[in-house]
């Protein structure tokens, strides 16, 4: 049985970290222009190339955006909404949560929410942590700020309702895994961990194999990508290949996280016997 009423969900998501992928680790990196140009590739070159591919396949999807990046590139972020895509919350500065005080973490939620709402005119409905980390109060903040879904945990291949403080909520969790993220395969920087540069054909093989198993199980496939990484020419061909592979299968729903989770929530609550 599918986890949605419209078929197998394939979720394409993009984290628009840009320069914050480096600056969140060390603000002094701002003094290194070549280093920063690797992040700038995301908004200057990678994102426009990705959007052309999505238009070609008539796909609308979700972009997780740090508020600071939305403030620096407001026209591009508004353009995403105008094109029918979803803009979701990805902190304010992309600083690692485990390095923040509770007050700083709350400020990241608040400032990111304010910036994204002001620039897009739409309050973000979903939240993804920077660098896949939580503190002991993160779940409470997700609930407090009224998010409808989260995409953070690595513990399942199907969606579920988050449990917070011992209570099952209506917040849908969209779990993913590192094998479905472009960074472990392609991220290369002299100052970031995990320096690697694999063949695009190997990544396409991994992702299509993941698709085949998850499709057979009628589970869910959640991809997490970054424009400065997947937006490079040979690497974008991996995404093209996956979309072509998916289109050869019946009953695949490629869409925005907010739309898909609204559908999922109904079934998840029915399965739990909840109104």
C-alpha atoms as a PDB file:
ATOM      1  CA  UNK A   1       0.000   0.000   0.000  1.00  0.00           C
ATOM      2  CA  UNK A   2       1.344   3.416  -0.968  1.00  0.00           C
ATOM      3  CA  UNK A   3       2.108   5.984   1.721  1.00  0.00           C
ATOM      4  CA  UNK A   4       0.065   8.521  -0.275  1.00  0.00           C
ATOM      5  CA  UNK A   5      -3.259   8.386  -2.092  1.00  0.00           C
ATOM      6  CA  UNK A   6      -1.596   9.477  -5.341  1.00  0.00           C
ATOM      7  CA  UNK A   7       1.094   6.820  -5.571  1.00  0.00           C
ATOM      8  CA  UNK A   8       4.791   6.455  -4.815  1.00  0.00           C
ATOM      9  CA  UNK A   9       6.295   9.759  -3.612  1.00  0.00           C
ATOM     10  CA  UNK A  10       9.617  10.925  -5.049  1.00  0.00           C
ATOM     11  CA  UNK A  11      10.638  14.115  -3.275  1.00  0.00           C
ATOM     12  CA  UNK A  12      13.364  16.280  -4.782  1.00  0.00           C
ATOM     13  CA  UNK A  13      14.646  18.785  -2.242  1.00  0.00           C
ATOM     14  CA  UNK A  14      17.439  21.332  -2.487  1.00  0.00           C
ATOM     15  CA  UNK A  15      19.271  23.023   0.393  1.00  0.00           C
ATOM     16  CA  UNK A  16      20.273  26.515  -0.721  1.00  0.00           C
ATOM     17  CA  UNK A  17      23.214  26.820   1.658  1.00  0.00           C
ATOM     18  CA  UNK A  18      25.457  28.598  -0.863  1.00  0.00           C
ATOM     19  CA  UNK A  19      28.315  30.350   1.010  1.00  0.00           C
ATOM     20  CA  UNK A  20      26.920  29.416   4.443  1.00  0.00           C
ATOM     21  CA  UNK A  21      28.159  25.863   3.884  1.00  0.00           C
ATOM     22  CA  UNK A  22      31.573  27.365   4.671  1.00  0.00           C
ATOM     23  CA  UNK A  23      30.765  30.462   6.729  1.00  0.00           C
ATOM     24  CA  UNK A  24      28.680  28.531   9.266  1.00  0.00           C
ATOM     25  CA  UNK A  25      31.817  26.602  10.173  1.00  0.00           C
ATOM     26  CA  UNK A  26      34.137  29.602  10.328  1.00  0.00           C
ATOM     27  CA  UNK A  27      33.151  33.232   9.600  1.00  0.00           C
ATOM     28  CA  UNK A  28      36.812  33.930   8.794  1.00  0.00           C
ATOM     29  CA  UNK A  29      36.335  32.041   5.532  1.00  0.00           C
ATOM     30  CA  UNK A  30      34.713  35.243   4.238  1.00  0.00           C
ATOM     31  CA  UNK A  31      38.267  36.533   3.789  1.00  0.00           C
ATOM     32  CA  UNK A  32      39.006  33.759   1.261  1.00  0.00           C
ATOM     33  CA  UNK A  33      37.342  34.698  -2.061  1.00  0.00           C
ATOM     34  CA  UNK A  34      38.203  31.487  -3.929  1.00  0.00           C
ATOM     35  CA  UNK A  35      36.651  29.435  -1.145  1.00  0.00           C
ATOM     36  CA  UNK A  36      33.532  31.605  -1.201  1.00  0.00           C
ATOM     37  CA  UNK A  37      33.245  31.301  -4.971  1.00  0.00           C
ATOM     38  CA  UNK A  38      32.468  27.599  -4.512  1.00  0.00           C
ATOM     39  CA  UNK A  39      29.305  28.587  -2.640  1.00  0.00           C
ATOM     40  CA  UNK A  40      28.528  31.388  -5.087  1.00  0.00           C
ATOM     41  CA  UNK A  41      28.443  28.816  -7.883  1.00  0.00           C
ATOM     42  CA  UNK A  42      25.199  27.618  -6.302  1.00  0.00           C
ATOM     43  CA  UNK A  43      23.229  30.824  -6.817  1.00  0.00           C
ATOM     44  CA  UNK A  44      25.065  32.092  -9.900  1.00  0.00           C
ATOM     45  CA  UNK A  45      25.183  28.942 -12.011  1.00  0.00           C
ATOM     46  CA  UNK A  46      23.843  25.809 -10.322  1.00  0.00           C
ATOM     47  CA  UNK A  47      20.381  27.016  -9.346  1.00  0.00           C
ATOM     48  CA  UNK A  48      19.433  28.420 -12.789  1.00  0.00           C
ATOM     49  CA  UNK A  49      20.586  25.158 -14.392  1.00  0.00           C
ATOM     50  CA  UNK A  50      18.508  23.114 -11.931  1.00  0.00           C
ATOM     51  CA  UNK A  51      15.428  25.239 -12.554  1.00  0.00           C
ATOM     52  CA  UNK A  52      15.729  24.712 -16.290  1.00  0.00           C
ATOM     53  CA  UNK A  53      15.787  20.957 -15.747  1.00  0.00           C
ATOM     54  CA  UNK A  54      12.775  21.059 -13.425  1.00  0.00           C
ATOM     55  CA  UNK A  55      10.860  23.121 -15.979  1.00  0.00           C
ATOM     56  CA  UNK A  56      11.790  20.643 -18.693  1.00  0.00           C
ATOM     57  CA  UNK A  57      10.235  17.826 -16.645  1.00  0.00           C
ATOM     58  CA  UNK A  58       7.388  20.062 -15.385  1.00  0.00           C
ATOM     59  CA  UNK A  59       8.328  19.317 -11.781  1.00  0.00           C
ATOM     60  CA  UNK A  60       7.659  21.506  -8.754  1.00  0.00           C
ATOM     61  CA  UNK A  61       9.592  20.774  -5.589  1.00  0.00           C
ATOM     62  CA  UNK A  62      10.874  22.139  -2.258  1.00  0.00           C
ATOM     63  CA  UNK A  63      13.848  24.383  -1.552  1.00  0.00           C
ATOM     64  CA  UNK A  64      15.124  24.594   2.041  1.00  0.00           C
ATOM     65  CA  UNK A  65      16.600  28.068   2.445  1.00  0.00           C
ATOM     66  CA  UNK A  66      18.579  29.730   5.261  1.00  0.00           C
ATOM     67  CA  UNK A  67      17.036  33.107   6.000  1.00  0.00           C
ATOM     68  CA  UNK A  68      20.359  34.853   5.517  1.00  0.00           C
ATOM     69  CA  UNK A  69      20.649  33.516   1.969  1.00  0.00           C
ATOM     70  CA  UNK A  70      17.087  34.642   1.230  1.00  0.00           C
ATOM     71  CA  UNK A  71      18.009  38.153   2.375  1.00  0.00           C
ATOM     72  CA  UNK A  72      21.065  38.191   0.109  1.00  0.00           C
ATOM     73  CA  UNK A  73      19.226  36.788  -2.928  1.00  0.00           C
ATOM     74  CA  UNK A  74      15.595  37.917  -2.517  1.00  0.00           C
ATOM     75  CA  UNK A  75      14.742  38.030  -6.222  1.00  0.00           C
ATOM     76  CA  UNK A  76      15.842  34.442  -6.755  1.00  0.00           C
ATOM     77  CA  UNK A  77      13.938  33.208  -3.709  1.00  0.00           C
ATOM     78  CA  UNK A  78      10.765  35.055  -4.691  1.00  0.00           C
ATOM     79  CA  UNK A  79      11.223  33.628  -8.169  1.00  0.00           C
ATOM     80  CA  UNK A  80      11.039  30.111  -6.753  1.00  0.00           C
ATOM     81  CA  UNK A  81       7.623  30.810  -5.260  1.00  0.00           C
ATOM     82  CA  UNK A  82       6.417  32.515  -8.434  1.00  0.00           C
ATOM     83  CA  UNK A  83       7.458  29.413 -10.399  1.00  0.00           C
ATOM     84  CA  UNK A  84       5.325  27.208  -8.133  1.00  0.00           C
ATOM     85  CA  UNK A  85       8.023  25.782  -5.894  1.00  0.00           C
ATOM     86  CA  UNK A  86       7.926  25.642  -2.099  1.00  0.00           C
ATOM     87  CA  UNK A  87      10.384  27.555   0.095  1.00  0.00           C
ATOM     88  CA  UNK A  88      10.939  25.899   3.473  1.00  0.00           C
ATOM     89  CA  UNK A  89      12.967  26.806   6.574  1.00  0.00           C
ATOM     90  CA  UNK A  90      16.651  25.840   6.858  1.00  0.00           C
ATOM     91  CA  UNK A  91      17.698  27.992   9.830  1.00  0.00           C
ATOM     92  CA  UNK A  92      18.935  31.550   9.494  1.00  0.00           C
ATOM     93  CA  UNK A  93      22.725  31.283   9.164  1.00  0.00           C
ATOM     94  CA  UNK A  94      23.195  27.499   8.802  1.00  0.00           C
ATOM     95  CA  UNK A  95      25.226  27.388  12.026  1.00  0.00           C
ATOM     96  CA  UNK A  96      25.456  23.914  13.535  1.00  0.00           C
ATOM     97  CA  UNK A  97      22.837  23.508  16.248  1.00  0.00           C
ATOM     98  CA  UNK A  98      25.150  21.493  18.523  1.00  0.00           C
ATOM     99  CA  UNK A  99      27.395  24.570  18.785  1.00  0.00           C
ATOM    100  CA  UNK A 100      24.576  26.929  19.825  1.00  0.00           C
ATOM    101  CA  UNK A 101      23.090  27.886  23.151  1.00  0.00           C
ATOM    102  CA  UNK A 102      19.335  27.441  23.552  1.00  0.00           C
ATOM    103  CA  UNK A 103      18.904  31.182  23.063  1.00  0.00           C
ATOM    104  CA  UNK A 104      20.958  31.164  19.878  1.00  0.00           C
ATOM    105  CA  UNK A 105      19.039  28.205  18.504  1.00  0.00           C
ATOM    106  CA  UNK A 106      15.725  29.938  19.146  1.00  0.00           C
ATOM    107  CA  UNK A 107      17.060  33.069  17.423  1.00  0.00           C
ATOM    108  CA  UNK A 108      17.950  30.966  14.352  1.00  0.00           C
ATOM    109  CA  UNK A 109      14.342  29.724  14.187  1.00  0.00           C
ATOM    110  CA  UNK A 110      12.903  33.204  14.726  1.00  0.00           C
ATOM    111  CA  UNK A 111      15.158  35.131  12.347  1.00  0.00           C
ATOM    112  CA  UNK A 112      14.856  32.496   9.627  1.00  0.00           C
ATOM    113  CA  UNK A 113      11.067  32.456   9.910  1.00  0.00           C
ATOM    114  CA  UNK A 114      10.845  36.245   9.767  1.00  0.00           C
ATOM    115  CA  UNK A 115      13.174  36.554   6.775  1.00  0.00           C
ATOM    116  CA  UNK A 116      11.541  33.839   4.690  1.00  0.00           C
ATOM    117  CA  UNK A 117       8.009  35.027   5.432  1.00  0.00           C
ATOM    118  CA  UNK A 118       8.883  38.642   4.627  1.00  0.00           C
ATOM    119  CA  UNK A 119      10.646  37.829   1.357  1.00  0.00           C
ATOM    120  CA  UNK A 120       8.287  35.167  -0.028  1.00  0.00           C
ATOM    121  CA  UNK A 121       5.009  36.359   1.494  1.00  0.00           C
ATOM    122  CA  UNK A 122       4.396  32.784   2.672  1.00  0.00           C
ATOM    123  CA  UNK A 123       5.089  31.376   6.127  1.00  0.00           C
ATOM    124  CA  UNK A 124       7.326  28.279   5.792  1.00  0.00           C
ATOM    125  CA  UNK A 125       5.572  25.008   6.602  1.00  0.00           C
ATOM    126  CA  UNK A 126       8.591  22.685   6.733  1.00  0.00           C
ATOM    127  CA  UNK A 127      11.934  22.677   8.549  1.00  0.00           C
ATOM    128  CA  UNK A 128      15.266  20.976   7.927  1.00  0.00           C
ATOM    129  CA  UNK A 129      18.205  21.221  10.281  1.00  0.00           C
ATOM    130  CA  UNK A 130      21.544  22.579   9.121  1.00  0.00           C
ATOM    131  CA  UNK A 131      24.131  19.775   9.028  1.00  0.00           C
ATOM    132  CA  UNK A 132      21.592  17.168  10.213  1.00  0.00           C
ATOM    133  CA  UNK A 133      21.889  17.932  13.930  1.00  0.00           C
ATOM    134  CA  UNK A 134      19.400  18.467  16.779  1.00  0.00           C
ATOM    135  CA  UNK A 135      19.745  19.738  20.329  1.00  0.00           C
ATOM    136  CA  UNK A 136      17.630  18.711  23.315  1.00  0.00           C
ATOM    137  CA  UNK A 137      15.085  21.482  22.535  1.00  0.00           C
ATOM    138  CA  UNK A 138      14.859  21.271  18.731  1.00  0.00           C
ATOM    139  CA  UNK A 139      11.742  19.105  18.651  1.00  0.00           C
ATOM    140  CA  UNK A 140       9.974  21.473  21.001  1.00  0.00           C
ATOM    141  CA  UNK A 141      10.889  24.411  18.740  1.00  0.00           C
ATOM    142  CA  UNK A 142       9.564  22.608  15.660  1.00  0.00           C
ATOM    143  CA  UNK A 143       6.227  22.263  17.441  1.00  0.00           C
ATOM    144  CA  UNK A 144       6.282  25.770  18.929  1.00  0.00           C
ATOM    145  CA  UNK A 145       6.859  27.433  15.566  1.00  0.00           C
ATOM    146  CA  UNK A 146       3.956  25.554  14.029  1.00  0.00           C
ATOM    147  CA  UNK A 147       5.697  23.527  11.349  1.00  0.00           C
ATOM    148  CA  UNK A 148       3.565  20.998   9.493  1.00  0.00           C
ATOM    149  CA  UNK A 149       6.451  18.740   8.557  1.00  0.00           C
ATOM    150  CA  UNK A 150      10.093  18.017   9.291  1.00  0.00           C
ATOM    151  CA  UNK A 151      12.749  16.387   7.107  1.00  0.00           C
ATOM    152  CA  UNK A 152      15.577  15.411   9.392  1.00  0.00           C
ATOM    153  CA  UNK A 153      15.700  11.880  10.765  1.00  0.00           C
ATOM    154  CA  UNK A 154      17.519   8.908   9.251  1.00  0.00           C
ATOM    155  CA  UNK A 155      15.496   6.103  10.835  1.00  0.00           C
ATOM    156  CA  UNK A 156      12.966   5.046   8.195  1.00  0.00           C
ATOM    157  CA  UNK A 157      12.109   4.843   4.493  1.00  0.00           C
ATOM    158  CA  UNK A 158       8.506   5.884   5.044  1.00  0.00           C
ATOM    159  CA  UNK A 159       6.961   9.002   6.622  1.00  0.00           C
ATOM    160  CA  UNK A 160       5.618   9.011  10.161  1.00  0.00           C
ATOM    161  CA  UNK A 161       4.118  11.411  12.691  1.00  0.00           C
ATOM    162  CA  UNK A 162       6.667  12.954  15.031  1.00  0.00           C
ATOM    163  CA  UNK A 163       6.446  12.132  18.707  1.00  0.00           C
ATOM    164  CA  UNK A 164       7.387  15.056  20.959  1.00  0.00           C
ATOM    165  CA  UNK A 165       7.500  14.824  24.747  1.00  0.00           C
ATOM    166  CA  UNK A 166       5.732  11.469  24.629  1.00  0.00           C
ATOM    167  CA  UNK A 167       2.852  12.678  22.459  1.00  0.00           C
ATOM    168  CA  UNK A 168       2.246  11.854  18.801  1.00  0.00           C
ATOM    169  CA  UNK A 169       1.765  15.103  16.879  1.00  0.00           C
ATOM    170  CA  UNK A 170       0.329  15.951  13.450  1.00  0.00           C
ATOM    171  CA  UNK A 171       3.820  16.915  12.227  1.00  0.00           C
ATOM    172  CA  UNK A 172       4.884  14.591   9.406  1.00  0.00           C
ATOM    173  CA  UNK A 173       8.509  13.461   9.405  1.00  0.00           C
ATOM    174  CA  UNK A 174      10.081  12.902   5.970  1.00  0.00           C
ATOM    175  CA  UNK A 175      13.221  10.900   6.756  1.00  0.00           C
ATOM    176  CA  UNK A 176      16.179  10.583   4.419  1.00  0.00           C
ATOM    177  CA  UNK A 177      19.675   9.066   4.473  1.00  0.00           C
ATOM    178  CA  UNK A 178      23.170  10.074   3.424  1.00  0.00           C
ATOM    179  CA  UNK A 179      23.042   7.743   0.405  1.00  0.00           C
ATOM    180  CA  UNK A 180      20.240   9.984  -0.916  1.00  0.00           C
ATOM    181  CA  UNK A 181      22.269  13.188  -0.457  1.00  0.00           C
ATOM    182  CA  UNK A 182      24.645  14.544  -3.103  1.00  0.00           C
ATOM    183  CA  UNK A 183      27.286  15.810  -0.647  1.00  0.00           C
ATOM    184  CA  UNK A 184      28.784  12.432   0.427  1.00  0.00           C
ATOM    185  CA  UNK A 185      29.362  11.591  -3.246  1.00  0.00           C
ATOM    186  CA  UNK A 186      30.443  14.933  -4.667  1.00  0.00           C
ATOM    187  CA  UNK A 187      31.409  17.471  -2.006  1.00  0.00           C
ATOM    188  CA  UNK A 188      35.001  18.578  -2.485  1.00  0.00           C
ATOM    189  CA  UNK A 189      36.604  21.450  -0.618  1.00  0.00           C
ATOM    190  CA  UNK A 190      39.993  21.787   1.000  1.00  0.00           C
ATOM    191  CA  UNK A 191      38.437  22.876   4.316  1.00  0.00           C
ATOM    192  CA  UNK A 192      35.262  20.743   4.537  1.00  0.00           C
ATOM    193  CA  UNK A 193      35.062  17.132   5.697  1.00  0.00           C
ATOM    194  CA  UNK A 194      34.347  14.256   3.339  1.00  0.00           C
ATOM    195  CA  UNK A 195      36.419  15.409   0.356  1.00  0.00           C
ATOM    196  CA  UNK A 196      35.321  13.162  -2.479  1.00  0.00           C
ATOM    197  CA  UNK A 197      34.610  13.223  -6.194  1.00  0.00           C
ATOM    198  CA  UNK A 198      32.846  10.115  -7.412  1.00  0.00           C
ATOM    199  CA  UNK A 199      31.792   9.304 -10.951  1.00  0.00           C
ATOM    200  CA  UNK A 200      28.279  10.536 -11.821  1.00  0.00           C
ATOM    201  CA  UNK A 201      27.528   7.091 -13.266  1.00  0.00           C
ATOM    202  CA  UNK A 202      28.177   5.505  -9.866  1.00  0.00           C
ATOM    203  CA  UNK A 203      25.783   7.931  -8.180  1.00  0.00           C
ATOM    204  CA  UNK A 204      23.098   7.391 -10.807  1.00  0.00           C
ATOM    205  CA  UNK A 205      23.462   3.653 -10.294  1.00  0.00           C
ATOM    206  CA  UNK A 206      23.088   4.064  -6.517  1.00  0.00           C
ATOM    207  CA  UNK A 207      20.057   6.340  -6.777  1.00  0.00           C
ATOM    208  CA  UNK A 208      18.229   4.263  -9.387  1.00  0.00           C
ATOM    209  CA  UNK A 209      18.814   1.114  -7.320  1.00  0.00           C
ATOM    210  CA  UNK A 210      17.435   2.939  -4.277  1.00  0.00           C
ATOM    211  CA  UNK A 211      14.443   4.012  -6.337  1.00  0.00           C
ATOM    212  CA  UNK A 212      13.776   0.468  -7.563  1.00  0.00           C
ATOM    213  CA  UNK A 213      13.737  -1.050  -4.066  1.00  0.00           C
ATOM    214  CA  UNK A 214      11.701   1.748  -2.512  1.00  0.00           C
ATOM    215  CA  UNK A 215       9.237   1.716  -5.407  1.00  0.00           C
ATOM    216  CA  UNK A 216       8.836  -2.038  -5.081  1.00  0.00           C
ATOM    217  CA  UNK A 217       8.183  -1.630  -1.356  1.00  0.00           C
ATOM    218  CA  UNK A 218       5.863   1.352  -2.027  1.00  0.00           C
ATOM    219  CA  UNK A 219       7.830   3.363   0.510  1.00  0.00           C
ATOM    220  CA  UNK A 220       9.161   6.876  -0.217  1.00  0.00           C
ATOM    221  CA  UNK A 221      12.284   8.386  -1.784  1.00  0.00           C
ATOM    222  CA  UNK A 222      13.606  11.647  -0.382  1.00  0.00           C
ATOM    223  CA  UNK A 223      16.593  13.263  -2.135  1.00  0.00           C
ATOM    224  CA  UNK A 224      18.571  16.080  -0.528  1.00  0.00           C
ATOM    225  CA  UNK A 225      20.743  18.135  -2.892  1.00  0.00           C
ATOM    226  CA  UNK A 226      22.710  21.393  -3.053  1.00  0.00           C
ATOM    227  CA  UNK A 227      22.886  23.687  -6.129  1.00  0.00           C
ATOM    228  CA  UNK A 228      26.642  24.225  -5.790  1.00  0.00           C
ATOM    229  CA  UNK A 229      27.069  20.432  -5.913  1.00  0.00           C
ATOM    230  CA  UNK A 230      24.346  18.810  -8.031  1.00  0.00           C
ATOM    231  CA  UNK A 231      24.097  21.920 -10.247  1.00  0.00           C
ATOM    232  CA  UNK A 232      27.420  21.186 -11.943  1.00  0.00           C
ATOM    233  CA  UNK A 233      27.031  19.874 -15.501  1.00  0.00           C
ATOM    234  CA  UNK A 234      27.964  16.197 -15.221  1.00  0.00           C
ATOM    235  CA  UNK A 235      26.305  15.919 -11.838  1.00  0.00           C
ATOM    236  CA  UNK A 236      22.995  17.340 -12.983  1.00  0.00           C
ATOM    237  CA  UNK A 237      22.887  14.504 -15.501  1.00  0.00           C
ATOM    238  CA  UNK A 238      22.485  12.195 -12.504  1.00  0.00           C
ATOM    239  CA  UNK A 239      19.254  13.956 -11.579  1.00  0.00           C
ATOM    240  CA  UNK A 240      18.126  13.924 -15.199  1.00  0.00           C
ATOM    241  CA  UNK A 241      18.785  10.187 -15.369  1.00  0.00           C
ATOM    242  CA  UNK A 242      16.821   9.558 -12.186  1.00  0.00           C
ATOM    243  CA  UNK A 243      13.853  11.594 -13.438  1.00  0.00           C
ATOM    244  CA  UNK A 244      13.878   9.699 -16.722  1.00  0.00           C
ATOM    245  CA  UNK A 245      14.011   6.418 -14.804  1.00  0.00           C
ATOM    246  CA  UNK A 246      11.131   7.471 -12.540  1.00  0.00           C
ATOM    247  CA  UNK A 247       8.978   8.539 -15.484  1.00  0.00           C
ATOM    248  CA  UNK A 248       9.187   4.989 -16.867  1.00  0.00           C
ATOM    249  CA  UNK A 249       7.259   3.771 -13.808  1.00  0.00           C
ATOM    250  CA  UNK A 250       3.541   4.125 -13.202  1.00  0.00           C
ATOM    251  CA  UNK A 251       2.092   5.917 -10.202  1.00  0.00           C
ATOM    252  CA  UNK A 252       5.087   8.064  -9.234  1.00  0.00           C
ATOM    253  CA  UNK A 253       4.193  11.362  -7.573  1.00  0.00           C
ATOM    254  CA  UNK A 254       6.963  13.979  -7.828  1.00  0.00           C
ATOM    255  CA  UNK A 255       5.937  17.057  -5.917  1.00  0.00           C
ATOM    256  CA  UNK A 256       6.425  19.599  -3.174  1.00  0.00           C
ATOM    257  CA  UNK A 257       6.914  18.452   0.398  1.00  0.00           C
ATOM    258  CA  UNK A 258       3.994  20.502   1.702  1.00  0.00           C
ATOM    259  CA  UNK A 259       1.542  19.030  -0.821  1.00  0.00           C
ATOM    260  CA  UNK A 260       2.780  15.478  -0.344  1.00  0.00           C
ATOM    261  CA  UNK A 261       2.768  15.656   3.451  1.00  0.00           C
ATOM    262  CA  UNK A 262      -0.790  17.002   3.494  1.00  0.00           C
ATOM    263  CA  UNK A 263      -1.781  13.811   1.684  1.00  0.00           C
ATOM    264  CA  UNK A 264       0.409  11.607   3.887  1.00  0.00           C
ATOM    265  CA  UNK A 265      -0.968  13.085   7.104  1.00  0.00           C
ATOM    266  CA  UNK A 266      -4.492  11.921   6.284  1.00  0.00           C
ATOM    267  CA  UNK A 267      -3.384   8.313   5.803  1.00  0.00           C
ATOM    268  CA  UNK A 268      -1.034   8.312   8.787  1.00  0.00           C
ATOM    269  CA  UNK A 269      -3.787   9.544  11.103  1.00  0.00           C
ATOM    270  CA  UNK A 270      -6.223   6.993   9.689  1.00  0.00           C
ATOM    271  CA  UNK A 271      -3.693   4.224  10.293  1.00  0.00           C
ATOM    272  CA  UNK A 272      -3.293   5.420  13.875  1.00  0.00           C
ATOM    273  CA  UNK A 273      -7.065   5.557  14.347  1.00  0.00           C
ATOM    274  CA  UNK A 274      -7.001   9.298  14.935  1.00  0.00           C
ATOM    275  CA  UNK A 275      -9.517  11.877  13.671  1.00  0.00           C
END
